[in-house]
Amino acid sequence: MKRIAAVFAFLACGFMPVAAYADNPDAVVRQTAQQVLETIRKDTGRNPARLRGEIEALATPKFDFTRMTALAVGRGWRQATPEQQAQLTDAFQTLLVRTYASTMIRFKNAQVSVADNPIVSSNGREATVRSSVQTGDASNKPVQIDYTLYRTAAGWKVYNVTVEGASLVTVYRSNFNEVVSKQGIDGLIQSIRDKNAQLAAKGGA
């Protein structure tokens, strides 16, 4: 979970709403990754909250957090009221944002290689973009990342990220299902909020 979240931390910010290549899913990944890396590398480390805000502003428009949350919660999503679904989405989005904000410094030296020719499915409505990330850490081992996107009127949106074959939403679903079975939907909402508070206390807010 920690490795997946850490890699997602960097990759989640590799998207921004640039209309010139919004219709090409692999170009969205390729052409924005460098811009985001430049943002990270220019950061002085003196204002982590500002950096988080800048990265969040880049990432949020290109992710469907509601769909990601529904997939991560699984069958519990259908049990939730509309108000609970909204609270879950807000809490889960905050969790992802704070996770990558708290680990962002680790990826200043990352290098991203995005494969050409995404795998298109559902009559062109969905696509999988494959990429490899050289994180620049001690292991210097490249990490395989797959993005799953779907086409909307506003362009392509990401609804899942797979790290070394492990789906982000599936990894979270296992934990979320356990919490729901023991504590219900409200218990899951509180559990995610508690995790957010922990990350905020560590400087991820």
N, C-alpha and C. Protein backbone atom coordinates (compact mmCIF):
# COMPACT_ATOMS: atom_id res chain seq x y z
N MET A 1 0.83 -1.21 0.00
CA MET A 1 0.00 0.00 0.00
C MET A 1 0.86 1.26 0.00
N LYS A 2 1.93 1.28 0.86
CA LYS A 2 2.74 2.49 0.96
C LYS A 2 3.46 2.77 -0.35
N ARG A 3 3.99 1.71 -1.00
CA ARG A 3 4.71 1.91 -2.26
C ARG A 3 3.78 2.41 -3.34
N ILE A 4 2.59 1.83 -3.42
CA ILE A 4 1.62 2.25 -4.42
C ILE A 4 1.22 3.71 -4.19
N ALA A 5 0.94 4.03 -2.94
CA ALA A 5 0.53 5.40 -2.62
C ALA A 5 1.66 6.38 -2.92
N ALA A 6 2.89 5.97 -2.64
CA ALA A 6 4.02 6.86 -2.86
C ALA A 6 4.22 7.15 -4.34
N VAL A 7 4.14 6.12 -5.17
CA VAL A 7 4.30 6.33 -6.61
C VAL A 7 3.13 7.12 -7.16
N PHE A 8 1.93 6.80 -6.71
CA PHE A 8 0.76 7.57 -7.11
C PHE A 8 0.93 9.02 -6.71
N ALA A 9 1.61 9.24 -5.59
CA ALA A 9 1.84 10.59 -5.13
C ALA A 9 2.45 11.46 -6.20
N PHE A 10 3.47 10.92 -6.88
CA PHE A 10 4.08 11.68 -7.96
C PHE A 10 3.22 11.68 -9.21
N LEU A 11 2.72 10.53 -9.60
CA LEU A 11 2.07 10.41 -10.89
C LEU A 11 0.71 11.08 -10.93
N ALA A 12 0.06 11.16 -9.81
CA ALA A 12 -1.26 11.79 -9.78
C ALA A 12 -1.19 13.23 -10.23
N CYS A 13 -0.04 13.84 -10.04
CA CYS A 13 0.06 15.25 -10.40
C CYS A 13 0.51 15.44 -11.83
N GLY A 14 0.65 14.38 -12.59
CA GLY A 14 1.14 14.50 -13.94
C GLY A 14 0.09 14.84 -14.97
N PHE A 15 -0.93 15.55 -14.57
CA PHE A 15 -2.01 15.90 -15.48
C PHE A 15 -2.42 17.34 -15.25
N MET A 16 -2.75 18.04 -16.33
CA MET A 16 -3.33 19.36 -16.19
C MET A 16 -4.22 19.63 -17.39
N PRO A 17 -5.21 20.51 -17.25
CA PRO A 17 -6.20 20.70 -18.31
C PRO A 17 -5.70 21.56 -19.46
N VAL A 18 -4.91 20.98 -20.35
CA VAL A 18 -4.43 21.71 -21.51
C VAL A 18 -5.20 21.23 -22.72
N ALA A 19 -6.02 22.11 -23.29
CA ALA A 19 -6.95 21.71 -24.33
C ALA A 19 -6.24 21.21 -25.58
N ALA A 20 -5.01 21.67 -25.82
CA ALA A 20 -4.32 21.34 -27.06
C ALA A 20 -4.09 19.84 -27.22
N TYR A 21 -4.00 19.10 -26.09
CA TYR A 21 -3.80 17.66 -26.23
C TYR A 21 -4.76 16.87 -25.37
N ALA A 22 -5.90 17.46 -25.07
CA ALA A 22 -6.88 16.79 -24.21
C ALA A 22 -7.48 15.56 -24.88
N ASP A 23 -7.42 15.48 -26.23
CA ASP A 23 -8.01 14.35 -26.93
C ASP A 23 -7.04 13.19 -27.12
N ASN A 24 -5.84 13.30 -26.62
CA ASN A 24 -4.84 12.27 -26.77
C ASN A 24 -4.37 11.83 -25.39
N PRO A 25 -4.81 10.68 -24.88
CA PRO A 25 -4.54 10.31 -23.50
C PRO A 25 -3.06 10.16 -23.17
N ASP A 26 -2.26 9.58 -24.08
CA ASP A 26 -0.85 9.43 -23.77
C ASP A 26 -0.12 10.77 -23.81
N ALA A 27 -0.59 11.68 -24.67
CA ALA A 27 0.03 13.01 -24.71
C ALA A 27 -0.27 13.79 -23.44
N VAL A 28 -1.45 13.56 -22.86
CA VAL A 28 -1.79 14.22 -21.60
C VAL A 28 -0.76 13.86 -20.54
N VAL A 29 -0.40 12.57 -20.49
CA VAL A 29 0.59 12.12 -19.52
C VAL A 29 1.97 12.66 -19.87
N ARG A 30 2.37 12.49 -21.12
CA ARG A 30 3.73 12.81 -21.54
C ARG A 30 4.06 14.29 -21.43
N GLN A 31 3.16 15.13 -21.96
CA GLN A 31 3.47 16.54 -22.09
C GLN A 31 3.31 17.31 -20.79
N THR A 32 2.59 16.76 -19.84
CA THR A 32 2.41 17.49 -18.58
C THR A 32 3.35 17.03 -17.50
N ALA A 33 3.89 15.83 -17.59
CA ALA A 33 4.77 15.32 -16.54
C ALA A 33 5.95 16.25 -16.31
N GLN A 34 6.55 16.73 -17.40
CA GLN A 34 7.70 17.61 -17.27
C GLN A 34 7.32 18.93 -16.61
N GLN A 35 6.14 19.44 -16.94
CA GLN A 35 5.70 20.70 -16.33
C GLN A 35 5.54 20.55 -14.83
N VAL A 36 5.00 19.41 -14.42
CA VAL A 36 4.80 19.20 -12.99
C VAL A 36 6.14 19.00 -12.29
N LEU A 37 7.04 18.26 -12.92
CA LEU A 37 8.37 18.07 -12.34
C LEU A 37 9.06 19.41 -12.13
N GLU A 38 8.91 20.30 -13.09
CA GLU A 38 9.52 21.62 -12.97
C GLU A 38 8.94 22.37 -11.77
N THR A 39 7.62 22.21 -11.55
CA THR A 39 6.98 22.85 -10.41
C THR A 39 7.57 22.34 -9.11
N ILE A 40 7.76 21.02 -9.04
CA ILE A 40 8.30 20.40 -7.82
C ILE A 40 9.74 20.85 -7.60
N ARG A 41 10.54 20.86 -8.67
CA ARG A 41 11.96 21.16 -8.54
C ARG A 41 12.22 22.62 -8.18
N LYS A 42 11.30 23.49 -8.55
CA LYS A 42 11.44 24.91 -8.21
C LYS A 42 11.05 25.19 -6.77
N ASP A 43 10.36 24.27 -6.15
CA ASP A 43 9.88 24.49 -4.79
C ASP A 43 11.05 24.53 -3.82
N THR A 44 11.01 25.46 -2.90
CA THR A 44 12.07 25.63 -1.92
C THR A 44 11.88 24.79 -0.67
N GLY A 45 10.68 24.22 -0.51
CA GLY A 45 10.40 23.44 0.69
C GLY A 45 9.95 24.28 1.87
N ARG A 46 9.84 25.58 1.67
CA ARG A 46 9.47 26.46 2.77
C ARG A 46 7.97 26.55 2.98
N ASN A 47 7.21 26.21 1.95
CA ASN A 47 5.76 26.33 2.06
C ASN A 47 5.09 25.10 1.46
N PRO A 48 5.08 23.96 2.20
CA PRO A 48 4.49 22.74 1.66
C PRO A 48 3.01 22.86 1.35
N ALA A 49 2.30 23.70 2.11
CA ALA A 49 0.87 23.87 1.85
C ALA A 49 0.65 24.52 0.49
N ARG A 50 1.49 25.47 0.14
CA ARG A 50 1.35 26.11 -1.16
C ARG A 50 1.66 25.13 -2.28
N LEU A 51 2.70 24.31 -2.10
CA LEU A 51 3.04 23.32 -3.11
C LEU A 51 1.89 22.33 -3.28
N ARG A 52 1.32 21.90 -2.17
CA ARG A 52 0.18 20.98 -2.27
C ARG A 52 -0.95 21.61 -3.05
N GLY A 53 -1.21 22.89 -2.79
CA GLY A 53 -2.28 23.57 -3.50
C GLY A 53 -2.01 23.66 -5.00
N GLU A 54 -0.76 23.93 -5.37
CA GLU A 54 -0.41 24.01 -6.78
C GLU A 54 -0.58 22.65 -7.47
N ILE A 55 -0.12 21.61 -6.81
CA ILE A 55 -0.23 20.27 -7.39
C ILE A 55 -1.68 19.83 -7.44
N GLU A 56 -2.44 20.13 -6.41
CA GLU A 56 -3.86 19.77 -6.39
C GLU A 56 -4.60 20.46 -7.54
N ALA A 57 -4.25 21.72 -7.78
CA ALA A 57 -4.90 22.45 -8.87
C ALA A 57 -4.61 21.81 -10.22
N LEU A 58 -3.43 21.21 -10.38
CA LEU A 58 -3.09 20.53 -11.63
C LEU A 58 -3.79 19.18 -11.75
N ALA A 59 -3.87 18.45 -10.64
CA ALA A 59 -4.36 17.07 -10.69
C ALA A 59 -5.88 16.97 -10.72
N THR A 60 -6.54 17.76 -9.91
CA THR A 60 -7.98 17.57 -9.70
C THR A 60 -8.80 17.58 -10.99
N PRO A 61 -8.55 18.49 -11.93
CA PRO A 61 -9.40 18.51 -13.14
C PRO A 61 -9.29 17.25 -14.00
N LYS A 62 -8.22 16.49 -13.86
CA LYS A 62 -8.01 15.35 -14.73
C LYS A 62 -8.31 14.01 -14.07
N PHE A 63 -8.84 14.03 -12.86
CA PHE A 63 -9.22 12.79 -12.18
C PHE A 63 -10.70 12.82 -11.85
N ASP A 64 -11.36 11.69 -12.03
CA ASP A 64 -12.75 11.54 -11.62
C ASP A 64 -12.75 10.91 -10.24
N PHE A 65 -12.66 11.74 -9.21
CA PHE A 65 -12.55 11.23 -7.86
C PHE A 65 -13.82 10.53 -7.39
N THR A 66 -14.97 10.95 -7.91
CA THR A 66 -16.21 10.28 -7.53
C THR A 66 -16.20 8.84 -8.03
N ARG A 67 -15.81 8.65 -9.27
CA ARG A 67 -15.76 7.29 -9.81
C ARG A 67 -14.69 6.46 -9.11
N MET A 68 -13.56 7.07 -8.83
CA MET A 68 -12.49 6.36 -8.11
C MET A 68 -12.96 5.94 -6.72
N THR A 69 -13.67 6.83 -6.05
CA THR A 69 -14.16 6.51 -4.72
C THR A 69 -15.17 5.38 -4.76
N ALA A 70 -16.09 5.44 -5.73
CA ALA A 70 -17.09 4.38 -5.87
C ALA A 70 -16.43 3.03 -6.10
N LEU A 71 -15.41 2.99 -6.93
CA LEU A 71 -14.70 1.75 -7.20
C LEU A 71 -13.94 1.27 -5.97
N ALA A 72 -13.33 2.20 -5.24
CA ALA A 72 -12.55 1.84 -4.05
C ALA A 72 -13.45 1.34 -2.93
N VAL A 73 -14.61 1.95 -2.76
CA VAL A 73 -15.53 1.54 -1.70
C VAL A 73 -16.24 0.23 -2.06
N GLY A 74 -16.48 0.02 -3.36
CA GLY A 74 -17.10 -1.23 -3.80
C GLY A 74 -18.57 -1.30 -3.45
N ARG A 75 -18.99 -2.46 -2.97
CA ARG A 75 -20.42 -2.66 -2.72
C ARG A 75 -20.96 -1.72 -1.64
N GLY A 76 -20.09 -1.24 -0.76
CA GLY A 76 -20.53 -0.30 0.26
C GLY A 76 -21.02 1.02 -0.32
N TRP A 77 -20.54 1.35 -1.52
CA TRP A 77 -20.96 2.60 -2.17
C TRP A 77 -22.47 2.61 -2.41
N ARG A 78 -23.01 1.47 -2.78
CA ARG A 78 -24.44 1.39 -3.07
C ARG A 78 -25.27 1.46 -1.79
N GLN A 79 -24.67 1.16 -0.67
CA GLN A 79 -25.36 1.24 0.62
C GLN A 79 -25.39 2.67 1.15
N ALA A 80 -24.49 3.49 0.65
CA ALA A 80 -24.35 4.85 1.17
C ALA A 80 -25.43 5.77 0.62
N THR A 81 -25.85 6.72 1.43
CA THR A 81 -26.77 7.75 0.98
C THR A 81 -26.01 8.74 0.11
N PRO A 82 -26.70 9.56 -0.68
CA PRO A 82 -26.01 10.57 -1.48
C PRO A 82 -25.11 11.47 -0.62
N GLU A 83 -25.56 11.82 0.57
CA GLU A 83 -24.74 12.65 1.45
C GLU A 83 -23.47 11.91 1.88
N GLN A 84 -23.63 10.62 2.21
CA GLN A 84 -22.46 9.83 2.59
C GLN A 84 -21.50 9.65 1.42
N GLN A 85 -22.04 9.48 0.22
CA GLN A 85 -21.20 9.35 -0.97
C GLN A 85 -20.39 10.62 -1.19
N ALA A 86 -21.01 11.76 -0.98
CA ALA A 86 -20.30 13.03 -1.14
C ALA A 86 -19.20 13.15 -0.10
N GLN A 87 -19.49 12.73 1.13
CA GLN A 87 -18.50 12.80 2.20
C GLN A 87 -17.35 11.84 1.94
N LEU A 88 -17.67 10.66 1.44
CA LEU A 88 -16.63 9.68 1.10
C LEU A 88 -15.72 10.22 0.00
N THR A 89 -16.33 10.79 -1.03
CA THR A 89 -15.55 11.32 -2.15
C THR A 89 -14.62 12.44 -1.69
N ASP A 90 -15.15 13.33 -0.89
CA ASP A 90 -14.35 14.44 -0.38
C ASP A 90 -13.19 13.94 0.47
N ALA A 91 -13.48 12.98 1.35
CA ALA A 91 -12.44 12.45 2.24
C ALA A 91 -11.38 11.68 1.46
N PHE A 92 -11.81 10.88 0.48
CA PHE A 92 -10.87 10.08 -0.30
C PHE A 92 -10.00 10.96 -1.18
N GLN A 93 -10.59 11.98 -1.78
CA GLN A 93 -9.81 12.92 -2.58
C GLN A 93 -8.76 13.59 -1.71
N THR A 94 -9.16 14.01 -0.53
CA THR A 94 -8.21 14.64 0.39
C THR A 94 -7.10 13.68 0.77
N LEU A 95 -7.45 12.41 0.99
CA LEU A 95 -6.45 11.40 1.33
C LEU A 95 -5.40 11.28 0.23
N LEU A 96 -5.85 11.20 -1.02
CA LEU A 96 -4.92 11.05 -2.13
C LEU A 96 -4.05 12.30 -2.28
N VAL A 97 -4.67 13.46 -2.17
CA VAL A 97 -3.91 14.71 -2.32
C VAL A 97 -2.87 14.83 -1.22
N ARG A 98 -3.26 14.55 0.02
CA ARG A 98 -2.32 14.69 1.12
C ARG A 98 -1.23 13.62 1.09
N THR A 99 -1.58 12.45 0.57
CA THR A 99 -0.58 11.40 0.46
C THR A 99 0.53 11.83 -0.48
N TYR A 100 0.15 12.32 -1.67
CA TYR A 100 1.23 12.69 -2.58
C TYR A 100 1.92 13.97 -2.16
N ALA A 101 1.20 14.87 -1.48
CA ALA A 101 1.85 16.09 -1.00
C ALA A 101 2.92 15.77 0.04
N SER A 102 2.63 14.79 0.90
CA SER A 102 3.56 14.46 1.98
C SER A 102 4.79 13.70 1.49
N THR A 103 4.72 13.12 0.27
CA THR A 103 5.85 12.36 -0.24
C THR A 103 6.49 12.99 -1.47
N MET A 104 6.01 14.15 -1.86
CA MET A 104 6.42 14.78 -3.12
C MET A 104 7.93 15.01 -3.21
N ILE A 105 8.54 15.34 -2.11
CA ILE A 105 9.95 15.68 -2.13
C ILE A 105 10.82 14.53 -2.62
N ARG A 106 10.31 13.31 -2.49
CA ARG A 106 11.07 12.13 -2.88
C ARG A 106 11.22 11.98 -4.39
N PHE A 107 10.46 12.73 -5.15
CA PHE A 107 10.40 12.49 -6.58
C PHE A 107 10.97 13.64 -7.42
N LYS A 108 11.78 14.50 -6.80
CA LYS A 108 12.33 15.62 -7.56
C LYS A 108 13.20 15.17 -8.71
N ASN A 109 13.84 14.02 -8.58
CA ASN A 109 14.74 13.53 -9.62
C ASN A 109 14.11 12.47 -10.50
N ALA A 110 12.79 12.34 -10.45
CA ALA A 110 12.11 11.30 -11.22
C ALA A 110 12.18 11.57 -12.72
N GLN A 111 12.19 10.49 -13.47
CA GLN A 111 12.13 10.55 -14.93
C GLN A 111 10.97 9.68 -15.38
N VAL A 112 10.15 10.20 -16.29
CA VAL A 112 8.96 9.48 -16.75
C VAL A 112 9.08 9.15 -18.22
N SER A 113 8.82 7.90 -18.56
CA SER A 113 8.78 7.47 -19.95
C SER A 113 7.39 6.93 -20.24
N VAL A 114 6.71 7.54 -21.20
CA VAL A 114 5.33 7.17 -21.52
C VAL A 114 5.29 6.44 -22.86
N ALA A 115 4.65 5.29 -22.88
CA ALA A 115 4.58 4.48 -24.11
C ALA A 115 3.64 5.12 -25.12
N ASP A 116 4.00 5.01 -26.38
CA ASP A 116 3.11 5.45 -27.45
C ASP A 116 1.96 4.44 -27.60
N ASN A 117 0.95 4.85 -28.33
CA ASN A 117 -0.16 3.96 -28.68
C ASN A 117 -0.85 3.35 -27.46
N PRO A 118 -1.64 4.14 -26.76
CA PRO A 118 -2.39 3.61 -25.62
C PRO A 118 -3.33 2.49 -26.05
N ILE A 119 -3.66 1.64 -25.11
CA ILE A 119 -4.59 0.55 -25.38
C ILE A 119 -6.01 1.10 -25.27
N VAL A 120 -6.70 1.15 -26.40
CA VAL A 120 -8.04 1.75 -26.44
C VAL A 120 -9.10 0.65 -26.41
N SER A 121 -10.17 0.89 -25.66
CA SER A 121 -11.25 -0.09 -25.55
C SER A 121 -12.59 0.63 -25.49
N SER A 122 -13.67 -0.16 -25.39
CA SER A 122 -15.02 0.40 -25.29
C SER A 122 -15.32 1.39 -26.41
N ASN A 123 -14.98 0.96 -27.64
CA ASN A 123 -15.24 1.79 -28.82
C ASN A 123 -14.62 3.18 -28.71
N GLY A 124 -13.41 3.22 -28.19
CA GLY A 124 -12.69 4.47 -28.11
C GLY A 124 -13.02 5.32 -26.90
N ARG A 125 -13.88 4.82 -26.03
CA ARG A 125 -14.28 5.62 -24.86
C ARG A 125 -13.33 5.46 -23.68
N GLU A 126 -12.53 4.40 -23.66
CA GLU A 126 -11.59 4.17 -22.58
C GLU A 126 -10.21 3.89 -23.15
N ALA A 127 -9.19 4.18 -22.34
CA ALA A 127 -7.82 3.95 -22.78
C ALA A 127 -6.94 3.65 -21.58
N THR A 128 -5.94 2.82 -21.82
CA THR A 128 -4.92 2.55 -20.82
C THR A 128 -3.59 3.08 -21.34
N VAL A 129 -2.98 3.94 -20.56
CA VAL A 129 -1.70 4.53 -20.92
C VAL A 129 -0.63 3.93 -20.02
N ARG A 130 0.39 3.36 -20.62
CA ARG A 130 1.46 2.72 -19.86
C ARG A 130 2.64 3.68 -19.74
N SER A 131 3.26 3.65 -18.57
CA SER A 131 4.43 4.50 -18.36
C SER A 131 5.40 3.81 -17.41
N SER A 132 6.61 4.27 -17.45
CA SER A 132 7.66 3.76 -16.56
C SER A 132 8.28 4.95 -15.85
N VAL A 133 8.44 4.84 -14.54
CA VAL A 133 8.96 5.94 -13.74
C VAL A 133 10.27 5.53 -13.08
N GLN A 134 11.31 6.28 -13.37
CA GLN A 134 12.59 6.11 -12.68
C GLN A 134 12.55 7.11 -11.54
N THR A 135 12.29 6.63 -10.33
CA THR A 135 12.01 7.53 -9.21
C THR A 135 13.22 8.26 -8.69
N GLY A 136 14.42 7.76 -9.01
CA GLY A 136 15.62 8.43 -8.53
C GLY A 136 15.97 8.11 -7.10
N ASP A 137 15.31 7.09 -6.51
CA ASP A 137 15.64 6.71 -5.14
C ASP A 137 16.83 5.77 -5.14
N ALA A 138 17.16 5.21 -3.98
CA ALA A 138 18.36 4.39 -3.83
C ALA A 138 18.33 3.15 -4.72
N SER A 139 17.16 2.56 -4.91
CA SER A 139 17.07 1.33 -5.70
C SER A 139 17.26 1.60 -7.18
N ASN A 140 16.89 2.82 -7.61
CA ASN A 140 16.99 3.21 -9.03
C ASN A 140 16.27 2.22 -9.94
N LYS A 141 15.27 1.56 -9.41
CA LYS A 141 14.52 0.56 -10.18
C LYS A 141 13.29 1.21 -10.79
N PRO A 142 13.09 1.10 -12.11
CA PRO A 142 11.92 1.70 -12.73
C PRO A 142 10.63 1.04 -12.25
N VAL A 143 9.60 1.83 -12.12
CA VAL A 143 8.29 1.34 -11.67
C VAL A 143 7.30 1.45 -12.82
N GLN A 144 6.61 0.36 -13.12
CA GLN A 144 5.62 0.35 -14.20
C GLN A 144 4.29 0.91 -13.71
N ILE A 145 3.77 1.91 -14.41
CA ILE A 145 2.51 2.54 -14.05
C ILE A 145 1.55 2.48 -15.23
N ASP A 146 0.32 2.06 -14.98
CA ASP A 146 -0.73 2.11 -16.00
C ASP A 146 -1.83 3.04 -15.52
N TYR A 147 -2.23 3.95 -16.39
CA TYR A 147 -3.37 4.82 -16.11
C TYR A 147 -4.58 4.31 -16.89
N THR A 148 -5.73 4.26 -16.27
CA THR A 148 -6.97 3.96 -16.96
C THR A 148 -7.80 5.24 -17.02
N LEU A 149 -8.14 5.65 -18.25
CA LEU A 149 -8.87 6.89 -18.46
C LEU A 149 -10.14 6.62 -19.25
N TYR A 150 -11.08 7.52 -19.16
CA TYR A 150 -12.25 7.45 -20.03
C TYR A 150 -12.53 8.84 -20.60
N ARG A 151 -13.12 8.84 -21.77
CA ARG A 151 -13.35 10.09 -22.49
C ARG A 151 -14.62 10.78 -21.99
N THR A 152 -14.52 12.05 -21.71
CA THR A 152 -15.67 12.86 -21.33
C THR A 152 -15.75 14.06 -22.27
N ALA A 153 -16.81 14.82 -22.13
CA ALA A 153 -16.96 16.03 -22.96
C ALA A 153 -15.83 17.02 -22.70
N ALA A 154 -15.25 16.94 -21.49
CA ALA A 154 -14.17 17.85 -21.12
C ALA A 154 -12.79 17.27 -21.39
N GLY A 155 -12.74 16.10 -22.02
CA GLY A 155 -11.46 15.46 -22.28
C GLY A 155 -11.32 14.17 -21.49
N TRP A 156 -10.12 13.63 -21.47
CA TRP A 156 -9.86 12.36 -20.79
C TRP A 156 -9.71 12.55 -19.29
N LYS A 157 -10.33 11.64 -18.53
CA LYS A 157 -10.21 11.68 -17.07
C LYS A 157 -9.72 10.32 -16.55
N VAL A 158 -8.84 10.37 -15.59
CA VAL A 158 -8.30 9.16 -14.97
C VAL A 158 -9.25 8.65 -13.89
N TYR A 159 -9.49 7.34 -13.88
CA TYR A 159 -10.29 6.79 -12.80
C TYR A 159 -9.62 5.60 -12.11
N ASN A 160 -8.41 5.26 -12.54
CA ASN A 160 -7.65 4.24 -11.83
C ASN A 160 -6.19 4.36 -12.21
N VAL A 161 -5.34 3.97 -11.28
CA VAL A 161 -3.90 3.92 -11.50
C VAL A 161 -3.42 2.56 -11.02
N THR A 162 -2.65 1.88 -11.85
CA THR A 162 -2.12 0.56 -11.49
C THR A 162 -0.61 0.63 -11.39
N VAL A 163 -0.08 0.24 -10.25
CA VAL A 163 1.35 0.29 -9.98
C VAL A 163 1.89 -1.12 -9.89
N GLU A 164 2.78 -1.48 -10.82
CA GLU A 164 3.37 -2.82 -10.83
C GLU A 164 2.28 -3.89 -10.77
N GLY A 165 1.20 -3.69 -11.50
CA GLY A 165 0.12 -4.67 -11.57
C GLY A 165 -0.89 -4.57 -10.44
N ALA A 166 -0.67 -3.70 -9.48
CA ALA A 166 -1.59 -3.56 -8.35
C ALA A 166 -2.47 -2.32 -8.56
N SER A 167 -3.76 -2.53 -8.69
CA SER A 167 -4.71 -1.45 -8.91
C SER A 167 -4.90 -0.63 -7.64
N LEU A 168 -4.79 0.69 -7.78
CA LEU A 168 -4.95 1.56 -6.62
C LEU A 168 -6.30 1.38 -5.96
N VAL A 169 -7.37 1.39 -6.77
CA VAL A 169 -8.71 1.29 -6.18
C VAL A 169 -8.94 -0.09 -5.57
N THR A 170 -8.34 -1.12 -6.15
CA THR A 170 -8.51 -2.47 -5.61
C THR A 170 -7.79 -2.61 -4.27
N VAL A 171 -6.60 -2.03 -4.17
CA VAL A 171 -5.85 -2.08 -2.92
C VAL A 171 -6.63 -1.39 -1.80
N TYR A 172 -7.17 -0.22 -2.11
CA TYR A 172 -7.95 0.49 -1.10
C TYR A 172 -9.25 -0.26 -0.78
N ARG A 173 -9.84 -0.90 -1.79
CA ARG A 173 -11.13 -1.58 -1.59
C ARG A 173 -11.04 -2.65 -0.52
N SER A 174 -9.95 -3.39 -0.50
CA SER A 174 -9.79 -4.44 0.50
C SER A 174 -9.87 -3.89 1.91
N ASN A 175 -9.18 -2.78 2.13
CA ASN A 175 -9.20 -2.15 3.44
C ASN A 175 -10.55 -1.51 3.74
N PHE A 176 -11.11 -0.83 2.74
CA PHE A 176 -12.39 -0.14 2.94
C PHE A 176 -13.51 -1.13 3.25
N ASN A 177 -13.53 -2.27 2.55
CA ASN A 177 -14.57 -3.27 2.80
C ASN A 177 -14.51 -3.79 4.23
N GLU A 178 -13.30 -3.96 4.73
CA GLU A 178 -13.14 -4.44 6.10
C GLU A 178 -13.69 -3.43 7.10
N VAL A 179 -13.40 -2.16 6.85
CA VAL A 179 -13.89 -1.11 7.75
C VAL A 179 -15.41 -1.04 7.70
N VAL A 180 -15.99 -1.09 6.49
CA VAL A 180 -17.45 -1.01 6.35
C VAL A 180 -18.12 -2.18 7.05
N SER A 181 -17.56 -3.38 6.94
CA SER A 181 -18.17 -4.55 7.55
C SER A 181 -18.19 -4.45 9.07
N LYS A 182 -17.25 -3.73 9.65
CA LYS A 182 -17.15 -3.62 11.11
C LYS A 182 -17.79 -2.34 11.65
N GLN A 183 -17.69 -1.26 10.88
CA GLN A 183 -18.09 0.04 11.41
C GLN A 183 -19.13 0.77 10.56
N GLY A 184 -19.48 0.20 9.41
CA GLY A 184 -20.47 0.85 8.56
C GLY A 184 -19.88 1.98 7.74
N ILE A 185 -20.73 2.62 6.94
CA ILE A 185 -20.29 3.70 6.06
C ILE A 185 -19.75 4.89 6.85
N ASP A 186 -20.46 5.26 7.92
CA ASP A 186 -19.99 6.39 8.72
C ASP A 186 -18.63 6.08 9.35
N GLY A 187 -18.42 4.81 9.70
CA GLY A 187 -17.13 4.42 10.25
C GLY A 187 -16.02 4.56 9.24
N LEU A 188 -16.32 4.25 7.96
CA LEU A 188 -15.32 4.40 6.91
C LEU A 188 -15.00 5.87 6.68
N ILE A 189 -16.03 6.69 6.66
CA ILE A 189 -15.80 8.13 6.49
C ILE A 189 -14.88 8.66 7.59
N GLN A 190 -15.16 8.25 8.82
CA GLN A 190 -14.34 8.71 9.94
C GLN A 190 -12.93 8.15 9.86
N SER A 191 -12.81 6.91 9.40
CA SER A 191 -11.50 6.29 9.28
C SER A 191 -10.62 7.05 8.29
N ILE A 192 -11.20 7.43 7.15
CA ILE A 192 -10.44 8.19 6.16
C ILE A 192 -10.09 9.57 6.69
N ARG A 193 -11.04 10.19 7.38
CA ARG A 193 -10.78 11.51 7.95
C ARG A 193 -9.67 11.44 8.99
N ASP A 194 -9.65 10.37 9.77
CA ASP A 194 -8.59 10.20 10.77
C ASP A 194 -7.22 10.09 10.10
N LYS A 195 -7.18 9.34 8.98
CA LYS A 195 -5.93 9.21 8.24
C LYS A 195 -5.50 10.56 7.68
N ASN A 196 -6.47 11.33 7.20
CA ASN A 196 -6.15 12.67 6.69
C ASN A 196 -5.56 13.54 7.78
N ALA A 197 -6.12 13.44 8.98
CA ALA A 197 -5.62 14.22 10.09
C ALA A 197 -4.19 13.83 10.45
N GLN A 198 -3.89 12.54 10.36
CA GLN A 198 -2.54 12.06 10.64
C GLN A 198 -1.56 12.62 9.62
N LEU A 199 -1.96 12.61 8.35
CA LEU A 199 -1.09 13.14 7.30
C LEU A 199 -0.90 14.65 7.46
N ALA A 200 -1.97 15.34 7.86
CA ALA A 200 -1.89 16.78 8.08
C ALA A 200 -0.90 17.10 9.21
N ALA A 201 -0.93 16.26 10.25
CA ALA A 201 -0.04 16.47 11.39
C ALA A 201 1.43 16.27 11.00
N LYS A 202 1.65 15.45 9.95
CA LYS A 202 3.01 15.19 9.48
C LYS A 202 3.46 16.19 8.44
N GLY A 203 2.60 17.15 8.13
CA GLY A 203 2.98 18.18 7.17
C GLY A 203 2.39 18.01 5.82
N GLY A 204 1.41 17.09 5.66
CA GLY A 204 0.81 16.89 4.36
C GLY A 204 -0.37 17.78 4.08
N ALA A 205 -0.73 18.66 5.02
CA ALA A 205 -1.89 19.52 4.84
C ALA A 205 -1.54 20.74 4.02
